Protein backbone atom coordinates (compact mmCIF):
# COMPACT_ATOMS: atom_id res chain seq x y z
CA MET A 1 24.37 -36.18 52.47
CA ASP A 2 25.62 -33.11 50.62
CA GLN A 3 22.91 -30.43 50.42
CA SER A 4 24.02 -29.59 46.87
CA MET A 5 22.22 -32.80 45.95
CA VAL A 6 18.91 -30.96 46.54
CA HIS A 7 17.45 -29.11 43.57
CA LEU A 8 14.48 -26.80 44.09
CA TRP A 9 12.46 -24.99 41.45
CA VAL A 10 9.40 -22.81 41.13
CA LYS A 11 6.21 -24.67 40.17
CA THR A 12 4.69 -23.68 36.83
CA GLU A 13 0.97 -24.19 37.44
CA PRO A 14 0.34 -21.44 40.03
CA PHE A 15 1.67 -18.95 37.47
CA ILE A 16 0.12 -20.42 34.28
CA VAL A 17 -3.33 -20.90 35.78
CA GLY A 18 -3.29 -18.91 39.02
CA ALA A 19 -1.93 -15.48 38.07
CA LEU A 20 -4.79 -13.53 36.50
CA GLN A 21 -3.55 -11.84 33.31
CA ILE A 22 -4.28 -8.27 34.44
CA PRO A 23 -2.44 -5.81 36.69
CA PRO A 24 -3.46 -6.72 40.28
CA PRO A 25 -5.64 -4.49 42.49
CA SER A 26 -3.42 -1.84 44.14
CA LYS A 27 -4.40 -3.22 47.57
CA PHE A 28 -2.58 -6.49 46.81
CA SER A 29 0.66 -4.70 47.65
CA MET A 30 2.93 -6.05 50.37
CA HIS A 31 1.80 -3.30 52.78
CA TYR A 32 -1.83 -4.47 52.74
CA LEU A 33 -1.05 -8.19 52.52
CA ARG A 34 1.15 -7.86 55.65
CA LYS A 35 -1.81 -6.28 57.44
CA MET A 36 -4.05 -9.07 56.23
CA SER A 37 -1.52 -11.69 57.37
CA THR A 38 -1.62 -10.29 60.93
CA TYR A 39 -5.39 -9.76 60.86
CA VAL A 40 -6.22 -13.38 59.91
CA ARG A 41 -4.05 -14.82 62.66
CA THR A 42 -5.59 -12.66 65.38
CA ARG A 43 -9.03 -13.87 64.24
CA ALA A 44 -8.26 -17.57 63.97
CA SER A 45 -11.40 -18.53 65.91
CA GLU A 46 -13.63 -16.57 63.52
CA GLY A 47 -12.80 -18.67 60.45
CA CYS A 48 -9.63 -16.90 59.31
CA TYR A 49 -6.79 -19.28 60.18
CA PRO A 50 -5.46 -21.89 59.35
CA CYS A 51 -8.36 -21.95 56.86
CA LEU A 52 -9.90 -18.77 55.52
CA PHE A 53 -13.65 -19.14 54.97
CA TRP A 54 -15.42 -17.26 52.18
CA PRO A 55 -17.42 -14.93 54.53
CA MET A 56 -14.18 -13.74 56.20
CA TRP A 57 -12.35 -13.25 52.89
CA ARG A 58 -15.40 -11.36 51.58
CA HIS A 59 -15.24 -9.16 54.69
CA ILE A 60 -11.48 -8.51 54.28
CA ALA A 61 -11.62 -8.05 50.48
CA CYS A 62 -14.68 -5.78 50.35
CA GLY A 63 -14.21 -3.98 53.68
CA LYS A 64 -10.43 -3.60 53.95
CA LEU A 65 -9.09 -3.97 50.39
CA GLN A 66 -12.00 -2.19 48.67
CA LEU A 67 -12.65 -4.92 46.09
CA ALA A 68 -16.04 -5.44 44.49
CA LYS A 69 -17.69 -8.62 45.77
CA ASP A 70 -17.60 -10.40 42.38
CA LEU A 71 -13.85 -9.70 42.10
CA ALA A 72 -13.31 -10.98 45.66
CA TRP A 73 -15.12 -14.19 44.67
CA LEU A 74 -13.12 -14.43 41.44
CA TYR A 75 -9.75 -14.54 43.25
CA PHE A 76 -11.12 -16.95 45.87
CA GLU A 77 -12.52 -19.21 43.17
CA ILE A 78 -9.38 -19.17 40.99
CA PHE A 79 -7.27 -20.24 43.97
CA ASP A 80 -9.82 -22.91 44.86
CA SER A 81 -9.63 -24.30 41.29
CA LEU A 82 -5.90 -24.98 41.83
CA VAL A 83 -6.58 -27.23 44.83
CA GLU A 84 -6.49 -30.91 43.93
CA ARG A 85 -9.94 -32.45 44.25
CA THR A 86 -11.47 -35.64 42.91
CA PRO A 87 -13.74 -35.34 39.86
CA GLU A 88 -16.57 -36.60 42.09
CA GLU A 89 -16.08 -33.69 44.52
CA ARG A 90 -16.13 -31.19 41.65
CA LEU A 91 -19.28 -32.70 40.15
CA GLU A 92 -20.92 -32.68 43.59
CA TRP A 93 -20.22 -28.94 43.94
CA ALA A 94 -21.62 -28.32 40.42
CA GLU A 95 -24.82 -30.09 41.50
CA VAL A 96 -25.06 -27.97 44.67
CA VAL A 97 -24.61 -24.71 42.72
CA SER A 98 -27.03 -25.64 39.94
CA SER A 99 -29.75 -26.53 42.46
CA CYS A 100 -29.60 -23.03 44.06
CA THR A 101 -32.66 -21.02 43.05
CA SER A 102 -31.56 -17.62 44.38
CA GLU A 103 -28.47 -15.48 44.99
CA GLU A 104 -29.02 -15.90 48.78
CA GLU A 105 -29.06 -19.67 48.49
CA LEU A 106 -25.87 -19.62 46.42
CA GLU A 107 -24.16 -17.37 48.97
CA LYS A 108 -25.20 -19.74 51.76
CA GLN A 109 -23.45 -22.61 49.94
CA ARG A 110 -20.35 -20.50 49.27
CA ASN A 111 -20.17 -19.65 52.98
CA LYS A 112 -19.19 -23.28 53.65
CA LEU A 113 -16.08 -23.00 51.45
CA SER A 114 -12.58 -22.27 52.74
CA VAL A 115 -9.03 -22.05 51.41
CA ASP A 116 -5.64 -22.60 53.06
CA THR A 117 -4.93 -19.17 54.57
CA LEU A 118 -1.15 -19.02 54.11
CA GLN A 119 -1.19 -20.43 50.58
CA PHE A 120 -3.96 -17.97 49.69
CA LEU A 121 -1.74 -15.09 50.89
CA LEU A 122 1.03 -16.33 48.57
CA PHE A 123 -1.50 -16.65 45.74
CA LEU A 124 -2.61 -13.02 46.23
CA TYR A 125 1.04 -11.94 46.29
CA ILE A 126 1.94 -13.67 42.99
CA GLN A 127 -0.75 -11.62 41.24
CA GLN A 128 2.06 -9.01 41.18
CA LEU A 129 3.54 -11.05 38.32
CA ASN A 130 1.45 -9.04 35.86
CA LYS A 131 1.94 -5.68 37.57
CA VAL A 132 2.81 -3.08 34.93
CA SER A 133 5.71 -1.01 36.20
CA LEU A 134 6.57 2.19 34.33
CA ARG A 135 10.23 1.71 35.18
CA THR A 136 10.51 -1.84 33.87
CA SER A 137 8.41 -1.04 30.80
CA LEU A 138 10.96 1.62 29.89
CA ILE A 139 14.15 -0.29 30.61
CA GLY A 140 13.02 -3.90 30.10
CA GLU A 141 12.60 -6.69 32.65
CA GLU A 142 14.76 -6.65 35.78
CA TRP A 143 15.96 -10.23 35.25
CA PRO A 144 16.90 -12.75 33.96
CA SER A 145 17.80 -12.74 30.28
CA PRO A 146 17.85 -10.73 27.07
CA ARG A 147 15.48 -13.25 25.44
CA ASP A 148 12.65 -11.65 27.45
CA LYS A 149 13.07 -8.12 26.14
CA SER A 150 9.81 -8.29 24.21
CA GLN A 151 7.84 -8.71 27.39
CA SER A 152 7.70 -5.17 28.63
CA ALA A 153 4.47 -3.30 27.93
CA ASN A 154 4.43 -1.92 24.42
CA LEU A 155 3.49 1.63 23.53
CA THR A 156 0.05 0.77 22.12
CA GLY A 157 -1.15 0.31 25.66
CA LYS A 158 -1.79 -3.39 25.07
CA SER A 159 0.33 -4.92 27.78
CA THR A 160 2.18 -8.03 26.67
CA CYS A 161 2.69 -9.12 30.27
CA GLN A 162 0.56 -12.21 29.59
CA ASN A 163 3.68 -13.97 28.30
CA LYS A 164 5.01 -13.99 31.84
CA ASN A 165 2.45 -16.62 32.80
CA TRP A 166 4.22 -19.16 30.58
CA ASN A 167 7.81 -18.01 31.07
CA ASP A 168 9.54 -20.14 33.70
CA TYR A 169 12.58 -17.82 33.78
CA THR A 170 10.20 -15.07 34.90
CA HIS A 171 8.65 -17.33 37.56
CA GLN A 172 12.08 -18.15 38.96
CA ALA A 173 13.11 -14.50 38.87
CA PHE A 174 9.89 -13.46 40.58
CA VAL A 175 10.38 -15.85 43.50
CA GLN A 176 14.12 -15.08 43.82
CA ASN A 177 13.49 -11.31 43.76
CA HIS A 178 10.58 -11.45 46.20
CA LEU A 179 11.68 -14.30 48.48
CA LEU A 180 12.07 -12.00 51.49
CA ASP A 181 8.49 -10.70 51.07
CA LEU A 182 7.09 -14.19 50.53
CA LEU A 183 8.73 -15.51 53.70
CA GLU A 184 7.74 -12.46 55.77
CA LEU A 185 4.11 -12.89 54.71
CA LEU A 186 4.18 -16.36 56.27
CA LEU A 187 5.69 -15.36 59.64
CA ASP A 188 3.66 -15.36 62.83
CA PRO A 189 3.08 -11.76 64.03
CA ASP A 190 5.27 -12.37 67.13
CA GLN A 191 8.25 -13.02 64.82
CA LEU A 192 8.00 -9.56 63.23
CA THR A 193 9.11 -6.10 64.33
CA ALA A 194 6.58 -3.32 64.95
CA SER A 195 6.91 -2.33 61.29
CA SER A 196 6.12 -5.94 60.23
CA HIS A 197 9.64 -6.93 59.18
CA SER A 198 11.67 -10.01 60.07
CA THR A 199 14.73 -9.91 62.30
CA HIS A 200 17.87 -12.04 62.32
CA SER A 201 16.35 -14.16 65.10
CA SER A 202 12.91 -14.64 63.45
CA LEU A 203 11.70 -18.23 63.28
CA VAL A 204 9.68 -19.78 60.45
CA SER A 205 7.12 -22.44 61.40
CA PRO A 206 6.87 -25.78 59.57
CA GLU A 207 3.30 -24.69 58.58
CA ALA A 208 4.77 -21.68 56.79
CA VAL A 209 7.24 -23.87 54.87
CA ARG A 210 4.40 -26.26 54.03
CA ALA A 211 2.51 -23.25 52.58
CA LEU A 212 5.56 -22.36 50.47
CA SER A 213 5.17 -25.80 48.85
CA PHE A 214 2.37 -24.10 46.90
CA LEU A 215 5.16 -22.42 44.89
CA ILE A 216 8.27 -24.59 45.31
CA GLU A 217 9.10 -28.28 44.89
CA GLY A 218 12.27 -30.27 44.21
CA THR A 219 14.23 -33.51 44.07
CA VAL A 220 17.16 -35.16 45.78
CA ASN A 221 20.00 -36.31 43.51
CA LYS A 222 17.99 -35.28 40.42
CA THR A 223 15.84 -38.40 40.75
CA ARG A 224 12.46 -38.53 39.02
CA THR A 225 10.69 -38.42 42.39
CA VAL A 226 9.40 -34.93 43.01
CA HIS A 227 8.82 -33.80 46.61
CA PRO A 228 6.99 -30.77 47.96
CA LEU A 229 9.32 -28.23 49.58
CA HIS A 230 8.31 -28.98 53.19
CA GLU A 231 9.19 -32.68 52.86
CA LEU A 232 12.70 -31.82 51.64
CA ALA A 233 13.16 -29.03 54.22
CA LEU A 234 12.35 -31.38 57.11
CA TRP A 235 14.79 -34.01 55.88
CA GLN A 236 17.34 -34.63 58.65
CA PRO A 237 20.63 -34.17 56.67
CA LEU A 238 19.51 -30.66 55.59
CA HIS A 239 18.76 -29.23 59.04
CA ALA A 240 22.23 -27.74 59.48
CA LYS A 241 21.90 -25.87 56.19
CA ASN A 242 18.30 -24.68 56.37
CA GLY A 243 18.32 -23.88 60.09
CA TYR A 244 15.67 -26.30 61.37
CA SER A 245 15.88 -26.89 65.12
CA LYS A 246 14.25 -29.84 66.83
CA ILE A 247 14.15 -27.81 70.03
CA THR A 248 12.16 -24.84 68.68
CA LYS A 249 10.48 -27.00 66.00
CA ALA A 250 11.05 -24.11 63.59
CA PHE A 251 13.50 -22.82 60.95
CA SER A 252 15.92 -19.93 61.32
CA PHE A 253 14.57 -17.21 58.96
CA SER A 254 17.99 -16.15 57.65
CA LYS A 255 19.31 -19.71 57.21
CA LEU A 256 16.15 -20.89 55.49
CA GLN A 257 16.22 -17.93 53.10
CA ALA A 258 19.91 -18.51 52.25
CA TRP A 259 19.28 -22.25 51.71
CA LEU A 260 16.33 -21.58 49.38
CA ARG A 261 18.35 -19.08 47.36
CA ALA A 262 21.26 -21.53 47.05
CA CYS A 263 19.07 -24.45 45.92
CA LEU A 264 16.65 -22.68 43.56
CA THR A 265 17.34 -23.58 39.94
CA GLY A 266 15.49 -23.69 36.61
CA SER A 267 12.43 -25.92 36.44
CA PRO A 268 12.98 -29.24 34.63
CA PHE A 269 9.24 -29.18 33.79
CA GLY A 270 8.88 -25.61 32.49
CA THR A 271 8.26 -24.34 28.99
CA SER A 272 11.94 -23.81 28.22
CA ALA A 273 12.87 -27.39 29.21
CA CYS A 274 9.94 -28.69 27.13
CA LEU A 275 11.10 -26.74 24.07
CA LYS A 276 14.72 -27.76 24.58
CA SER A 277 14.33 -31.49 25.17
CA GLY A 278 10.68 -32.25 24.42
CA LYS A 279 10.00 -34.59 21.53
CA LYS A 280 7.93 -33.79 18.45
CA LEU A 281 4.40 -35.14 18.42
CA ALA A 282 2.96 -37.46 15.80
CA TRP A 283 -0.40 -36.28 14.47
CA ALA A 284 -3.36 -38.24 13.18
CA GLN A 285 -4.28 -35.73 10.53
CA GLN A 286 -1.52 -33.68 9.00
CA VAL A 287 -1.63 -32.32 5.50
CA GLU A 288 1.31 -33.23 3.30
CA GLY A 289 3.46 -30.59 1.66
CA THR A 290 2.82 -27.77 4.11
CA THR A 291 5.54 -25.54 5.49
CA LYS A 292 8.11 -27.09 7.79
CA ARG A 293 8.30 -24.22 10.26
CA ALA A 294 5.70 -25.70 12.64
CA LYS A 295 7.22 -26.59 16.00
CA ILE A 296 5.33 -28.97 18.30
CA ALA A 297 7.08 -30.13 21.46
CA CYS A 298 5.85 -32.34 24.26
CA ASN A 299 7.52 -33.49 27.49
CA ALA A 300 5.13 -36.34 28.46
CA HIS A 301 7.80 -39.02 27.87
CA MET A 302 10.18 -37.56 30.44
CA VAL A 303 8.18 -35.94 33.26
CA PRO A 304 5.70 -37.05 35.94
CA GLU A 305 2.08 -36.97 34.74
CA VAL A 306 1.13 -33.79 36.64
CA HIS A 307 3.80 -31.79 34.77
CA ARG A 308 2.79 -32.64 31.20
CA MET A 309 3.13 -29.84 28.70
CA VAL A 310 2.59 -29.44 24.95
CA VAL A 311 3.80 -26.36 23.07
CA MET A 312 2.67 -25.79 19.47
CA SER A 313 4.02 -22.92 17.43
CA GLN A 314 3.69 -21.60 13.87
CA VAL A 315 1.25 -24.16 12.54
CA TYR A 316 0.22 -22.67 9.20
CA LYS A 317 -2.58 -23.78 6.85
CA GLN A 318 -2.89 -27.21 8.45
CA THR A 319 -5.55 -29.39 10.00
CA LEU A 320 -4.11 -31.23 13.00
CA ALA A 321 -5.99 -33.74 15.14
CA LYS A 322 -4.96 -35.71 18.20
CA SER A 323 -6.64 -37.73 20.92
CA SER A 324 -4.16 -39.64 23.07
CA ASP A 325 -2.69 -40.25 26.52
CA THR A 326 0.12 -37.83 25.64
CA LEU A 327 -2.35 -34.94 25.91
CA VAL A 328 -4.28 -36.09 28.99
CA GLY A 329 -3.86 -33.58 31.81
CA ALA A 330 -1.35 -31.50 29.83
CA HIS A 331 -0.88 -27.73 29.94
CA VAL A 332 -1.11 -26.74 26.27
CA LYS A 333 0.26 -23.57 24.71
CA ILE A 334 -0.67 -22.77 21.10
CA HIS A 335 1.32 -19.89 19.69
CA ARG A 336 1.37 -18.01 16.35
CA CYS A 337 -0.84 -20.45 14.46
CA ASN A 338 -2.51 -19.16 11.31
CA GLU A 339 -5.28 -20.39 9.00
CA SER A 340 -5.41 -23.79 10.70
CA PHE A 341 -7.89 -26.19 12.25
CA ILE A 342 -6.60 -27.84 15.41
CA TYR A 343 -8.48 -30.62 17.22
CA LEU A 344 -7.15 -31.68 20.66
CA LEU A 345 -9.76 -34.24 21.68
CA SER A 346 -8.46 -35.31 25.08
CA PRO A 347 -9.06 -34.07 28.66
CA LEU A 348 -6.58 -31.20 29.15
CA ARG A 349 -5.24 -29.32 32.19
CA SER A 350 -5.07 -25.81 30.75
CA VAL A 351 -4.90 -24.19 27.31
CA THR A 352 -3.30 -20.87 26.35
CA ILE A 353 -3.81 -19.61 22.79
CA GLU A 354 -1.63 -16.65 21.92
CA LYS A 355 -1.03 -14.54 18.79
CA CYS A 356 -3.08 -16.84 16.55
CA ARG A 357 -5.15 -15.74 13.53
CA ASN A 358 -7.94 -17.06 11.32
CA SER A 359 -8.00 -20.47 12.99
CA THR A 360 -10.42 -22.85 14.71
CA PHE A 361 -9.53 -24.76 17.90
CA VAL A 362 -11.70 -27.67 19.03
CA LEU A 363 -10.69 -28.76 22.53
CA GLY A 364 -11.44 -31.64 24.85
CA PRO A 365 -12.67 -30.67 28.36
CA VAL A 366 -10.20 -28.32 30.11
CA HIS A 367 -9.81 -28.92 33.84
CA THR A 368 -8.75 -25.37 34.75
CA ALA A 369 -8.63 -22.51 32.27
CA ILE A 370 -8.58 -21.56 28.60
CA HIS A 371 -6.89 -18.18 28.07
CA LEU A 372 -6.68 -16.27 24.79
CA HIS A 373 -4.34 -13.36 24.22
CA SER A 374 -3.60 -11.22 21.14
CA CYS A 375 -5.70 -13.34 18.76
CA ASP A 376 -7.63 -12.22 15.65
CA ASN A 377 -10.58 -13.97 14.05
CA VAL A 378 -10.17 -17.17 16.05
CA LYS A 379 -12.93 -19.64 16.94
CA VAL A 380 -12.66 -21.70 20.13
CA ILE A 381 -14.99 -24.63 20.79
CA GLY A 382 -14.57 -26.10 24.24
CA ILE A 383 -15.77 -27.05 27.71
CA CYS A 384 -13.67 -25.54 30.49
CA HIS A 385 -13.74 -24.56 34.15
CA ARG A 386 -12.89 -20.98 33.20
CA LEU A 387 -12.36 -18.89 30.07
CA SER A 388 -10.47 -15.59 30.02
CA ILE A 389 -9.61 -13.36 27.06
CA SER A 390 -7.39 -10.33 26.54
CA SER A 391 -6.39 -8.23 23.50
CA THR A 392 -8.53 -10.25 21.07
CA THR A 393 -10.39 -9.01 17.98
CA GLY A 394 -13.30 -10.69 16.22
CA CYS A 395 -13.09 -14.00 18.12
CA THR A 396 -15.98 -16.43 18.70
CA PHE A 397 -16.32 -18.74 21.70
CA ASN A 398 -18.68 -21.73 21.64
CA ILE A 399 -18.29 -22.78 25.24
CA LEU A 400 -19.78 -24.59 28.18
CA THR A 401 -18.40 -23.31 31.50
CA PRO A 402 -19.51 -23.26 35.17
CA THR A 403 -17.91 -19.81 35.73
CA HIS A 404 -18.44 -16.40 34.10
CA PRO A 405 -16.15 -15.91 31.06
CA LEU A 406 -13.64 -13.17 31.95
CA ILE A 407 -13.27 -10.27 29.54
CA LEU A 408 -9.94 -8.68 30.46
CA LEU A 409 -8.14 -5.78 28.73
CA GLY A 410 -8.15 -4.78 25.06
CA ASN A 411 -10.88 -6.89 23.43
CA GLN A 412 -13.08 -5.97 20.45
CA ALA A 413 -16.02 -7.68 18.73
CA VAL A 414 -16.19 -10.77 20.94
CA THR A 415 -18.98 -13.28 20.24
CA PHE A 416 -20.20 -15.85 22.77
CA ALA A 417 -22.29 -18.82 21.62
CA PRO A 418 -23.46 -22.10 23.17
CA TYR A 419 -21.28 -25.21 22.95
CA HIS A 420 -22.53 -27.03 19.86
CA THR A 421 -20.63 -30.22 19.10
CA HIS A 422 -19.61 -33.62 20.46
CA TYR A 423 -17.24 -36.52 19.88
CA PRO A 424 -17.69 -40.11 21.09
CA MET A 425 -15.47 -39.89 24.21
CA LEU A 426 -16.61 -36.40 25.28
CA GLU A 427 -18.82 -37.31 28.25
CA ASP A 428 -16.19 -39.75 29.59
CA HIS A 429 -13.58 -36.98 29.32
CA MET A 430 -15.89 -34.49 31.09
CA ALA A 431 -16.43 -36.91 33.99
CA ARG A 432 -12.67 -37.44 34.23
CA MET A 433 -12.13 -33.65 34.58
CA GLY A 434 -15.08 -33.18 36.98
CA LEU A 435 -16.95 -30.92 34.52
CA ALA A 436 -20.76 -31.01 34.43
CA THR A 437 -23.26 -29.53 31.96
CA VAL A 438 -24.77 -27.25 34.64
CA PRO A 439 -24.35 -24.56 35.78
CA ASN A 440 -23.40 -23.07 32.40
CA TYR A 441 -22.54 -19.35 32.24
CA TRP A 442 -21.49 -19.15 28.56
CA ASP A 443 -23.89 -16.24 28.03
CA SER A 444 -23.04 -14.19 31.09
CA PRO A 445 -19.46 -12.87 30.86
CA MET A 446 -17.80 -10.69 33.49
CA LEU A 447 -16.10 -7.45 32.43
CA VAL A 448 -13.12 -7.51 34.76
CA CYS A 449 -11.30 -4.32 33.78
CA LYS A 450 -12.64 -0.77 34.01
CA GLU A 451 -11.92 0.03 30.36
CA ASN A 452 -14.49 -2.61 29.50
CA SER A 453 -17.38 -1.07 31.41
CA ASP A 454 -18.94 -0.67 27.98
CA ALA A 455 -20.65 -4.02 27.38
CA SER A 456 -20.61 -3.46 23.60
CA VAL A 457 -17.23 -5.25 23.39
CA TYR A 458 -19.18 -8.52 23.21
CA ARG A 459 -22.40 -9.94 21.83
CA LEU A 460 -24.30 -13.20 22.12
CA LEU A 461 -24.60 -14.97 18.78
CA PRO A 462 -28.11 -14.44 17.34
CA PRO A 463 -29.93 -17.81 16.97
CA ASN A 464 -30.48 -17.23 13.23
CA GLU A 465 -26.66 -17.26 12.74
CA PHE A 466 -26.23 -20.50 14.69
CA TYR A 467 -25.14 -23.83 13.17
CA THR A 468 -23.97 -26.98 14.90
CA PHE A 469 -20.36 -28.14 14.36
CA VAL A 470 -19.44 -31.66 13.25
CA ILE A 471 -16.14 -33.18 14.40
CA PRO A 472 -15.16 -35.26 11.34
CA PHE A 473 -13.18 -38.09 12.93
CA GLU A 474 -13.98 -41.68 13.84
CA MET A 475 -13.40 -42.61 17.49
CA GLU A 476 -14.65 -45.16 20.00
CA GLY A 477 -17.13 -43.95 22.63
CA ASP A 478 -20.76 -43.42 23.65
CA THR A 479 -21.46 -39.68 23.30
CA THR A 480 -23.86 -39.10 20.39
CA GLU A 481 -25.13 -35.56 21.03
CA THR A 482 -24.11 -32.20 22.49
CA PRO A 483 -23.86 -32.64 26.31
CA GLY A 484 -26.65 -30.75 28.06
CA GLY A 485 -28.42 -30.03 24.76
CA LEU A 486 -28.82 -26.57 23.23
CA PRO A 487 -30.57 -23.50 24.70
CA HIS A 488 -34.20 -23.38 23.53
CA ALA A 489 -33.83 -20.41 21.13
CA TYR A 490 -30.92 -22.07 19.31
CA GLN A 491 -32.62 -25.46 19.13
CA LYS A 492 -35.71 -23.74 17.70
CA ALA A 493 -33.64 -21.97 15.01
CA LEU A 494 -32.10 -25.34 13.97
CA SER A 495 -35.52 -27.02 13.83
CA GLN A 496 -36.93 -24.24 11.65
CA ARG A 497 -33.97 -24.56 9.27
CA GLU A 498 -34.47 -28.33 9.16
CA GLN A 499 -38.14 -27.78 8.22
CA LYS A 500 -37.12 -25.44 5.38
CA ILE A 501 -34.79 -28.14 4.01
CA GLN A 502 -37.60 -30.70 4.11
CA VAL A 503 -39.95 -28.29 2.29
CA TRP A 504 -37.23 -27.65 -0.31
CA GLN A 505 -36.64 -31.39 -0.84
CA LYS A 506 -40.37 -31.98 -1.19
CA THR A 507 -40.65 -29.11 -3.72
CA VAL A 508 -37.81 -30.55 -5.82
CA LYS A 509 -39.34 -34.04 -5.66
CA GLU A 510 -42.77 -32.80 -6.75
CA ALA A 511 -41.44 -30.56 -9.54
CA GLY A 512 -41.55 -33.48 -11.98
CA LEU A 513 -38.17 -32.72 -13.59
CA THR A 514 -36.90 -34.89 -16.48
CA LYS A 515 -33.62 -36.81 -16.09
CA ASP A 516 -31.69 -34.10 -17.99
CA GLN A 517 -33.31 -31.30 -16.00
CA ARG A 518 -32.38 -33.09 -12.74
CA LYS A 519 -28.75 -33.33 -13.91
CA GLN A 520 -28.71 -29.67 -14.91
CA PHE A 521 -30.29 -28.68 -11.61
CA GLN A 522 -27.71 -30.73 -9.64
CA VAL A 523 -24.81 -29.01 -11.44
CA LEU A 524 -26.36 -25.62 -10.65
CA VAL A 525 -26.74 -26.47 -6.94
CA GLU A 526 -23.19 -27.87 -6.73
CA ASN A 527 -21.75 -24.74 -8.35
CA LYS A 528 -23.63 -22.51 -5.90
CA PHE A 529 -22.40 -24.70 -3.01
CA TYR A 530 -18.80 -24.48 -4.31
CA GLU A 531 -19.07 -20.68 -4.54
CA TRP A 532 -20.38 -20.60 -0.98
CA LEU A 533 -17.48 -22.80 0.24
CA ILE A 534 -14.91 -20.44 -1.27
CA HIS A 535 -16.74 -17.31 -0.06
CA THR A 536 -16.94 -18.57 3.56
CA GLY A 537 -13.43 -20.06 3.69
CA HIS A 538 -14.84 -23.55 4.43
CA ARG A 539 -13.24 -25.01 1.31
CA GLN A 540 -9.79 -25.04 2.92
CA GLN A 541 -11.15 -26.96 5.92
CA LEU A 542 -12.79 -29.58 3.70
CA ASP A 543 -9.70 -29.94 1.49
CA SER A 544 -7.48 -30.44 4.51
CA LEU A 545 -9.72 -33.25 5.76
CA VAL A 546 -8.93 -35.54 2.82
CA PRO A 547 -7.78 -38.67 4.71
CA SER A 548 -4.08 -39.44 4.71
CA ALA A 549 -2.91 -42.96 3.85
CA ALA A 550 -3.42 -43.92 7.49
CA GLY A 551 -7.11 -42.92 7.31
CA SER A 552 -8.80 -40.46 9.64
CA LYS A 553 -8.69 -42.58 12.79
CA GLN A 554 -7.04 -40.79 15.69
CA ALA A 555 -3.37 -41.40 16.36
CA ALA A 556 -2.99 -42.96 19.77
CA GLY A 557 0.69 -42.13 20.23
């Protein structure tokens, strides 16, 4: 069969979720990763290869690459979160961690964990995606298109490189430009020259090509069936093109590289394809008469489930709500939304919120990560495996998360608060995503970048400022309270407020007001309440919740 029938593309998820949105440590350069690649293979028996155990990565990262231990764990853990596991396995691990009573005990449990060595090397290499290069920031991106000009670092020092995580053109360019490095990282040491380079006669093992499936997949004849790279590469009719030999049971380095370059094309499941051919979503709650510039695209109707994507842009002064199969397991990007309330009450794969202002986002459980970039005065209410934030100002996060929230570059006035709401299907959705209520590190963020060594960039919400949040939609389901309950100090503050209300009600009841006085008093209270609604900005939210003709039940489409 003609090899032109094979279409390969770069997978989106390793870049969206796996590339941390900061410039990588300098020791993640090819020079050091080559050394690491040789080192792990010569110590296979010590837990380095084909699986790299946490104690050995800790030794390499802290001893050889000069990383702090918590940063070494962060990269290990991010990669591990990309590995497909059943919800049961994830919940089991949460139970193990939450039962540890000391740092030593926790470390003992972590020592049992391992990652695929070769894929982990590729994962460390793709952290270069967000490397800030002086040259490219002056002349623009190396490749591929003029539409990306805005992505070079701007002169305020706030790098806009975060966009690269969602730009599939950039992912393709990255792999095309660095294919030689990526392949050389995967070679056995005996296939390299003394200076760790490949030669024309170098051979690539099937294990190495299997590792490359972490980044590349494809189809034959543009069918809907997606195959990992190694399955396609080992397909008999392609051996002549990609250099696989049954005698050596390996691929010719030069032929494999040429074949990959020839077959790599744009991803049919990336953001650009979603925007181009995705369909518009129907929403349960959408205010009439608002501006028409909102763009909401979704590709669920045309892609395999694991590639679902929803892109929302320029939603302005609207309340939108959705809970449906369309969203389940989707990567969601919310971009340039302003003065809106957005409820996505389904289990999601990842959520990126970028360049949004004065808005509230209420999210179903997020399997991997929520990332915020360049947002002002935004509130995020959600349960997620990981939260990371960069270049935000005045944002509040009511979250439940088993990992430390990551404070990256350029943040000001960040507030963390406990997760404080529920909807009927919430606990079912959490179980589906393998997210438990413990451990919960909402109140213990990690300052990842040096500029943030000053902890005053964030605060924990004082209990006296804390209120619970009500999700105002009817749905089927069994959850009737906030999963895991509230931290004691916050629960106490709510109880005290409740007591004050009861005292107030009793006082009014015992005041012995006449019918006219009661009416007068009611008008006075309602006016004060109305003033408060306008002053706090809550009036817009209430107004936008007036049910449409279809009622406030969730749209299932």
